[in-house]
Every structure is written in C-alpha cells, then in structure tokens.
Amino acid sequence: MQRWDRIEAFVEVVRLGTFSAAARHLQVSNSHVSRLVGQLENQLGTQLLYRTTRQIRLTDAGALYYEHCRHLFDGFREAEAAITDFQARPKGVLKLTAATTFGERFVAPLVNDFQRLHPQLEVQMHFTNRQVELIDEGYDIAVRMGVLKDSTLIARRLCERREYVVGSRAYFEQVSRPHSLAELSNHRCLVGSRDSWLFEVEGVRREIRVQGKWRADSGPALLDAALKGLGLAQLPDYYVEEYLASGELISVLDTFRHRDTAVWAVYPRHRHLSPKVRQFVDHLVAYLPGSLPKRREVRVEV
C-alpha cells in the first residue's frame, strides 16, 4: 500500500496546487507529502514536478503520469460514493413519464407503493403519448414501450409486451382477412399515436406506414373503434387479450408479429446513479410483471 500512498500524495499535490494544501487534505505533515512524492520519483526513475518557493509545475513525464493516475482516484471516489448511496434512502424529487394508458393503469400504482415505502420522496408523474426528451425536460425516468431507437440513454427491460393487429368479427364479415403485409393497403386502418405499424419479416424489423380515415392518440379510443368494426388496429396485449379470448376481436398477421416490443425503464446516463432512480427502477423490475394481466389463450387467424 506504500506505493498507493505515494501516488495519492502526488495526485493531491497537483490537484490542489501546493504541498501544504495536499498535506491538509491528507491530514499529514508537509514534509511527509514531500517525502512521498520524492520516493515516487525515485521509484519511477524520473522527475515529476519542478519545485520552486512559490509554485510547482509538472514535468512532461509528470503530466503524463498525472493524467493516468487521476482517473484511478476518481474511480475510487466514485466507488465510495456508490456504496454510500446504495445504503442511502431515496430523497428529493422523482420525476417520471410514461404512455398515458399504460402509465395510469400499471405504473402509477407502483409509484404510489414506492412512495409509501419512502414518504420523504416527492414524486411527479406525467402521462403522455408524446416521446418526452428526458434531459431537456428534466425527467429522471421514462417508461417506454416497443423497440427503442439508438440513444445515449440507459435502458433496462421491465417486462414482455406483445402487439396484435386486430379486427372485429363484424369487420371481417365485410372484408377478407389479410395474410400479407402488402394487403394492409386494402384495409381500413385505424391510426393511433404513430402512423406506422411494427412487424418482423424473416428476423428483420419492418415498419409499415398505414393510412385510414380514423385517427386518435388514445389507446382506449382505438380499441373501441376496432370493437365497433371500423377497421384494423395494432394494439398491445393488455388492451386486446380479453377480447381475443372472447372472440370479439380476431388477430391477423401473427406470423409477422415483432418478437421484442418490451417495456423499458429509460434514464439518462450518469457515472453514478442516484438512489431514487436506482431503487425505483429495481421496484419496477420486481413488481411490474406481476401487475400486468395474466397471459390468456387468444384466438388467432387460421
């Protein structure tokens, strides 16, 4: 450990600018710091610092050595802070966003449970089908669904999610069921918050732009329109599985269903994650799958 003492003394002298400031920080004498730096220079066989009565200055070798060594001690401080925060209780304001219906039905109850466990925490929930810019708009976490776009954000998978293209029996009494993606152009498509539907063709993601005379940014409104025979809709499992099981809706194009439209917790990338974010994401991972409707046998196209 003697070698680490020497490196730490050198790093603190450079960081703080003087031997005396480094000595105060390390709670040792000036002479002890000077001796440690001298021993490090002897060990390396090169001079690291130019010393004068007024200031110190790095040699070329010292500058190179400092750039490598300072990251080591930054890492040590990060590790210590991580352990401290790991044991800390969440505090401050937890600001999160999620899609409207999914957030209201499944995320909000878990947020409420989490605040009961941590009453000192303030929570702010914002439900919208618009994709929020987390960093620009000051959010800690977003719960997002589907295939994520490339991003500088961190994403943690929370649970599985499936999307179905569905129509009512009344609708299919008027038109034949589609068996290929090209046939979608022959159907009345109900357009939700996005105007393209996600599929998978031979392992490759495909987005098909759809058009129709009906549009709304509301999942429940989309479901109601599909149940009333107004056209085809692409909706996630928690909307439609009850109606697929009862036969009120029929699923089509199942061979093209994308296999990875999961639910994710997404948050900004930090070197050190705050306790409120880390513990809340752990809470979602532990409890969200159990909050969703149980999988049922559903009726698919034949």
Protein backbone atom coordinates (compact mmCIF):
# COMPACT_ATOMS: atom_id res chain seq x y z
CA MET A 1 0.00 0.00 0.00
CA GLN A 2 3.02 2.27 0.33
CA ARG A 3 3.04 2.80 -3.43
CA TRP A 4 -0.60 3.96 -3.42
CA ASP A 5 0.24 6.47 -0.66
CA ARG A 6 2.93 7.93 -2.89
CA ILE A 7 0.63 8.15 -5.91
CA GLU A 8 -2.15 9.71 -3.85
CA ALA A 9 0.22 12.31 -2.44
CA PHE A 10 1.42 13.22 -5.96
CA VAL A 11 -2.14 13.43 -7.34
CA GLU A 12 -3.33 15.66 -4.49
CA VAL A 13 -0.32 17.99 -4.81
CA VAL A 14 -1.10 18.51 -8.47
CA ARG A 15 -4.86 18.76 -7.97
CA LEU A 16 -4.66 21.26 -5.10
CA GLY A 17 -1.62 23.16 -6.36
CA THR A 18 0.65 23.10 -3.29
CA PHE A 19 2.26 20.63 -0.92
CA SER A 20 0.67 22.36 2.08
CA ALA A 21 -2.86 22.08 0.64
CA ALA A 22 -2.28 18.41 -0.14
CA ALA A 23 -0.97 17.85 3.38
CA ARG A 24 -4.07 19.44 4.91
CA HIS A 25 -6.33 17.33 2.70
CA LEU A 26 -4.50 14.12 3.55
CA GLN A 27 -4.14 15.15 7.23
CA VAL A 28 -0.37 14.64 7.30
CA SER A 29 2.63 16.98 7.50
CA ASN A 30 4.12 18.91 4.59
CA SER A 31 7.36 17.04 4.97
CA HIS A 32 5.58 13.69 4.77
CA VAL A 33 3.91 14.66 1.49
CA SER A 34 7.21 15.90 0.09
CA ARG A 35 8.91 12.68 1.12
CA LEU A 36 6.22 10.52 -0.52
CA VAL A 37 6.47 12.41 -3.82
CA GLY A 38 10.28 12.15 -3.71
CA GLN A 39 10.05 8.39 -3.11
CA LEU A 40 7.67 8.07 -6.08
CA GLU A 41 10.10 9.94 -8.34
CA ASN A 42 12.96 7.69 -7.21
CA GLN A 43 10.81 4.62 -7.79
CA LEU A 44 9.93 5.74 -11.33
CA GLY A 45 13.41 7.00 -12.08
CA THR A 46 12.19 10.38 -13.35
CA GLN A 47 11.31 13.83 -12.07
CA LEU A 48 7.58 14.53 -11.91
CA LEU A 49 7.47 18.07 -10.52
CA TYR A 50 9.51 21.26 -10.83
CA ARG A 51 9.56 22.81 -7.34
CA THR A 52 10.13 26.49 -6.56
CA THR A 53 9.45 28.52 -3.44
CA ARG A 54 6.26 29.92 -4.97
CA GLN A 55 4.79 27.17 -7.13
CA ILE A 56 5.05 23.70 -8.51
CA ARG A 57 4.91 22.75 -12.17
CA LEU A 58 4.58 19.38 -13.86
CA THR A 59 7.36 17.99 -15.99
CA ASP A 60 6.36 16.33 -19.24
CA ALA A 61 6.67 12.95 -17.53
CA GLY A 62 4.69 14.26 -14.55
CA ALA A 63 1.85 15.49 -16.78
CA LEU A 64 1.64 12.12 -18.49
CA TYR A 65 1.71 10.24 -15.19
CA TYR A 66 -0.91 12.52 -13.62
CA GLU A 67 -3.37 12.04 -16.48
CA HIS A 68 -3.27 8.28 -15.93
CA CYS A 69 -3.28 8.34 -12.13
CA ARG A 70 -6.02 10.88 -11.51
CA HIS A 71 -8.60 8.63 -13.16
CA LEU A 72 -7.72 5.88 -10.67
CA PHE A 73 -8.59 8.08 -7.73
CA ASP A 74 -11.68 9.42 -9.45
CA GLY A 75 -12.77 5.81 -9.69
CA PHE A 76 -12.06 5.20 -6.00
CA ARG A 77 -14.16 8.22 -5.04
CA GLU A 78 -16.98 7.04 -7.33
CA ALA A 79 -16.87 3.60 -5.73
CA GLU A 80 -17.08 5.06 -2.23
CA ALA A 81 -19.95 7.34 -3.24
CA ALA A 82 -21.77 4.40 -4.84
CA ILE A 83 -21.60 2.39 -1.62
CA THR A 84 -22.77 5.38 0.41
CA ASP A 85 -25.72 5.98 -1.89
CA PHE A 86 -26.53 2.27 -2.09
CA GLN A 87 -27.25 2.39 1.62
CA ALA A 88 -28.99 5.76 1.44
CA ARG A 89 -32.73 6.34 1.31
CA PRO A 90 -34.19 7.90 -1.83
CA LYS A 91 -34.74 11.63 -1.43
CA GLY A 92 -35.58 14.71 -3.45
CA VAL A 93 -37.99 14.76 -6.40
CA LEU A 94 -38.55 11.73 -8.65
CA LYS A 95 -39.93 12.95 -11.96
CA LEU A 96 -41.13 10.31 -14.42
CA THR A 97 -43.14 9.96 -17.58
CA ALA A 98 -44.96 7.11 -19.29
CA ALA A 99 -47.52 6.50 -22.03
CA THR A 100 -50.94 7.59 -20.85
CA THR A 101 -52.99 4.40 -20.50
CA PHE A 102 -50.11 2.13 -19.53
CA GLY A 103 -48.87 4.71 -17.04
CA GLU A 104 -52.26 5.22 -15.43
CA ARG A 105 -53.09 1.52 -15.22
CA PHE A 106 -49.77 -0.07 -14.32
CA VAL A 107 -47.06 2.48 -13.48
CA ALA A 108 -48.96 4.87 -11.19
CA PRO A 109 -49.95 2.19 -8.63
CA LEU A 110 -46.32 1.10 -8.36
CA VAL A 111 -45.18 4.69 -7.93
CA ASN A 112 -47.72 5.06 -5.14
CA ASP A 113 -46.46 1.89 -3.47
CA PHE A 114 -42.88 3.16 -3.75
CA GLN A 115 -43.74 6.48 -2.11
CA ARG A 116 -45.48 4.66 0.74
CA LEU A 117 -42.15 2.95 1.37
CA HIS A 118 -40.26 6.25 1.06
CA PRO A 119 -42.57 9.06 2.26
CA GLN A 120 -39.69 11.55 2.27
CA LEU A 121 -39.58 11.31 -1.54
CA GLU A 122 -41.58 13.72 -3.71
CA VAL A 123 -42.94 12.21 -6.94
CA GLN A 124 -44.17 13.89 -10.12
CA MET A 125 -45.86 11.75 -12.80
CA HIS A 126 -46.56 12.92 -16.32
CA PHE A 127 -48.52 10.67 -18.67
CA THR A 128 -48.40 11.44 -22.37
CA ASN A 129 -48.16 9.55 -25.65
CA ARG A 130 -45.59 12.09 -26.84
CA GLN A 131 -41.97 10.93 -26.56
CA VAL A 132 -40.52 13.20 -23.90
CA GLU A 133 -36.92 14.45 -24.08
CA LEU A 134 -35.73 13.33 -20.66
CA ILE A 135 -32.64 15.51 -20.27
CA ASP A 136 -34.03 18.65 -21.92
CA GLU A 137 -37.30 18.46 -19.97
CA GLY A 138 -35.77 17.45 -16.65
CA TYR A 139 -37.13 13.93 -16.18
CA ASP A 140 -35.41 11.21 -14.16
CA ILE A 141 -37.09 8.18 -15.77
CA ALA A 142 -39.34 7.32 -18.70
CA VAL A 143 -41.25 4.05 -19.05
CA ARG A 144 -41.24 3.31 -22.77
CA MET A 145 -42.56 0.50 -24.89
CA GLY A 146 -41.53 -1.18 -28.09
CA VAL A 147 -38.24 -1.26 -29.95
CA LEU A 148 -36.04 1.56 -28.66
CA LYS A 149 -34.19 3.85 -31.00
CA ASP A 150 -30.43 4.30 -30.62
CA SER A 151 -29.84 6.69 -27.77
CA THR A 152 -27.36 7.95 -25.21
CA LEU A 153 -29.85 6.88 -22.53
CA ILE A 154 -29.65 3.75 -20.38
CA ALA A 155 -32.50 1.24 -20.86
CA ARG A 156 -33.47 -1.59 -18.52
CA ARG A 157 -36.00 -4.18 -19.62
CA LEU A 158 -39.01 -4.40 -17.30
CA CYS A 159 -41.34 -6.98 -18.84
CA GLU A 160 -42.56 -8.56 -22.06
CA ARG A 161 -45.14 -6.91 -24.31
CA ARG A 162 -46.83 -8.16 -27.50
CA GLU A 163 -48.64 -6.21 -30.20
CA TYR A 164 -51.53 -7.59 -32.24
CA VAL A 165 -53.20 -6.46 -35.43
CA VAL A 166 -56.89 -6.98 -34.71
CA GLY A 167 -60.31 -6.52 -36.23
CA SER A 168 -63.81 -7.37 -35.12
CA ARG A 169 -65.95 -10.21 -36.46
CA ALA A 170 -68.28 -7.62 -37.98
CA TYR A 171 -65.37 -6.09 -39.88
CA PHE A 172 -64.20 -9.42 -41.26
CA GLU A 173 -67.74 -10.21 -42.44
CA GLN A 174 -67.29 -7.30 -44.85
CA VAL A 175 -63.67 -7.88 -45.97
CA SER A 176 -61.32 -10.84 -46.12
CA ARG A 177 -58.54 -11.25 -43.58
CA PRO A 178 -55.09 -10.07 -44.68
CA HIS A 179 -52.37 -12.71 -44.94
CA SER A 180 -49.51 -10.49 -46.12
CA LEU A 181 -48.30 -7.03 -45.17
CA ALA A 182 -48.98 -5.77 -48.69
CA GLU A 183 -52.68 -6.45 -48.18
CA LEU A 184 -52.88 -3.80 -45.45
CA SER A 185 -53.29 -1.19 -48.18
CA ASN A 186 -56.67 -2.79 -48.99
CA HIS A 187 -57.96 -2.33 -45.44
CA ARG A 188 -59.32 0.49 -43.32
CA CYS A 189 -56.52 1.05 -40.81
CA LEU A 190 -57.19 2.82 -37.54
CA VAL A 191 -54.25 5.11 -36.85
CA GLY A 192 -53.12 5.75 -33.29
CA SER A 193 -50.32 7.94 -31.93
CA ARG A 194 -47.99 6.68 -34.67
CA ASP A 195 -48.77 6.23 -38.36
CA SER A 196 -46.56 3.19 -38.90
CA TRP A 197 -47.03 -0.35 -37.60
CA LEU A 198 -44.16 -2.52 -36.47
CA PHE A 199 -43.59 -6.04 -37.85
CA GLU A 200 -40.82 -8.59 -38.27
CA VAL A 201 -40.12 -10.30 -41.59
CA GLU A 202 -37.62 -13.19 -41.52
CA GLY A 203 -35.96 -11.74 -38.43
CA VAL A 204 -35.76 -8.19 -39.81
CA ARG A 205 -37.69 -5.27 -38.33
CA ARG A 206 -40.19 -3.69 -40.74
CA GLU A 207 -42.23 -0.55 -40.22
CA ILE A 208 -45.26 -0.27 -42.49
CA ARG A 209 -46.89 3.13 -42.90
CA VAL A 210 -50.66 2.82 -42.68
CA GLN A 211 -53.46 5.16 -43.68
CA GLY A 212 -57.10 5.49 -42.81
CA LYS A 213 -59.97 7.89 -42.23
CA TRP A 214 -59.85 7.40 -38.45
CA ARG A 215 -57.08 8.73 -36.19
CA ALA A 216 -56.68 9.31 -32.43
CA ASP A 217 -53.81 9.41 -29.94
CA SER A 218 -55.80 7.34 -27.45
CA GLY A 219 -55.48 3.59 -26.92
CA PRO A 220 -58.97 3.15 -25.42
CA ALA A 221 -60.50 5.09 -28.33
CA LEU A 222 -58.56 2.90 -30.77
CA LEU A 223 -59.79 -0.25 -29.04
CA ASP A 224 -63.41 0.95 -29.09
CA ALA A 225 -63.19 1.70 -32.81
CA ALA A 226 -61.80 -1.76 -33.53
CA LEU A 227 -64.53 -3.43 -31.44
CA LYS A 228 -67.19 -1.50 -33.39
CA GLY A 229 -65.90 -2.75 -36.72
CA LEU A 230 -64.44 0.48 -38.04
CA GLY A 231 -61.20 -1.14 -39.21
CA LEU A 232 -57.94 -2.84 -38.25
CA ALA A 233 -55.84 -1.63 -35.32
CA GLN A 234 -52.45 -2.53 -33.92
CA LEU A 235 -52.67 -2.63 -30.14
CA PRO A 236 -50.63 -4.12 -27.28
CA ASP A 237 -51.67 -7.24 -25.41
CA TYR A 238 -53.04 -5.59 -22.28
CA TYR A 239 -55.71 -3.89 -24.43
CA VAL A 240 -56.87 -6.80 -26.55
CA GLU A 241 -56.21 -10.22 -24.99
CA GLU A 242 -59.53 -10.21 -23.14
CA TYR A 243 -61.39 -9.63 -26.42
CA LEU A 244 -59.26 -12.09 -28.36
CA ALA A 245 -60.08 -14.76 -25.79
CA SER A 246 -63.81 -13.99 -26.02
CA GLY A 247 -63.76 -13.90 -29.83
CA GLU A 248 -64.92 -10.27 -30.06
CA LEU A 249 -61.63 -9.45 -31.80
CA ILE A 250 -59.63 -11.60 -34.21
CA SER A 251 -55.87 -11.35 -34.56
CA VAL A 252 -54.30 -11.37 -38.04
CA LEU A 253 -50.78 -11.25 -39.49
CA ASP A 254 -49.44 -13.10 -36.43
CA THR A 255 -46.56 -14.64 -38.41
CA PHE A 256 -45.21 -11.10 -38.81
CA ARG A 257 -45.55 -10.06 -35.17
CA HIS A 258 -42.36 -8.44 -33.84
CA ARG A 259 -40.86 -10.52 -31.04
CA ASP A 260 -39.22 -7.76 -28.97
CA THR A 261 -41.64 -4.94 -28.18
CA ALA A 262 -40.90 -4.98 -24.46
CA VAL A 263 -41.48 -2.39 -21.73
CA TRP A 264 -38.36 -0.47 -20.65
CA ALA A 265 -37.22 1.91 -17.93
CA VAL A 266 -35.11 4.56 -19.62
CA TYR A 267 -32.97 7.12 -17.80
CA PRO A 268 -30.04 9.46 -18.51
CA ARG A 269 -26.54 8.05 -18.47
CA HIS A 270 -24.62 9.11 -15.34
CA ARG A 271 -21.39 7.81 -13.94
CA HIS A 272 -23.14 7.49 -10.62
CA LEU A 273 -26.86 6.67 -10.45
CA SER A 274 -28.87 8.36 -7.68
CA PRO A 275 -30.58 6.17 -5.04
CA LYS A 276 -34.06 7.38 -6.03
CA VAL A 277 -33.61 6.28 -9.65
CA ARG A 278 -31.78 3.03 -8.92
CA GLN A 279 -34.20 1.89 -6.23
CA PHE A 280 -37.31 2.88 -8.21
CA VAL A 281 -36.13 1.00 -11.29
CA ASP A 282 -35.45 -2.05 -9.08
CA HIS A 283 -39.00 -1.65 -7.75
CA LEU A 284 -40.43 -1.65 -11.29
CA VAL A 285 -38.39 -4.72 -12.25
CA ALA A 286 -39.63 -6.58 -9.18
CA TYR A 287 -43.33 -5.71 -9.33
CA LEU A 288 -44.41 -4.58 -12.81
CA PRO A 289 -44.65 -8.05 -14.41
CA GLY A 290 -46.99 -9.17 -11.63
CA SER A 291 -49.22 -6.11 -12.15
CA LEU A 292 -49.98 -6.89 -15.78
CA PRO A 293 -52.91 -9.09 -16.84
CA LYS A 294 -52.12 -12.78 -16.90
CA ARG A 295 -51.47 -14.28 -20.31
CA ARG A 296 -54.52 -15.97 -21.80
CA GLU A 297 -55.14 -18.31 -24.67
CA VAL A 298 -56.03 -15.99 -27.52
CA ARG A 299 -57.78 -16.57 -30.84
CA VAL A 300 -55.50 -16.04 -33.81
CA GLU A 301 -56.04 -16.22 -37.55
CA VAL A 302 -56.41 -19.58 -39.25
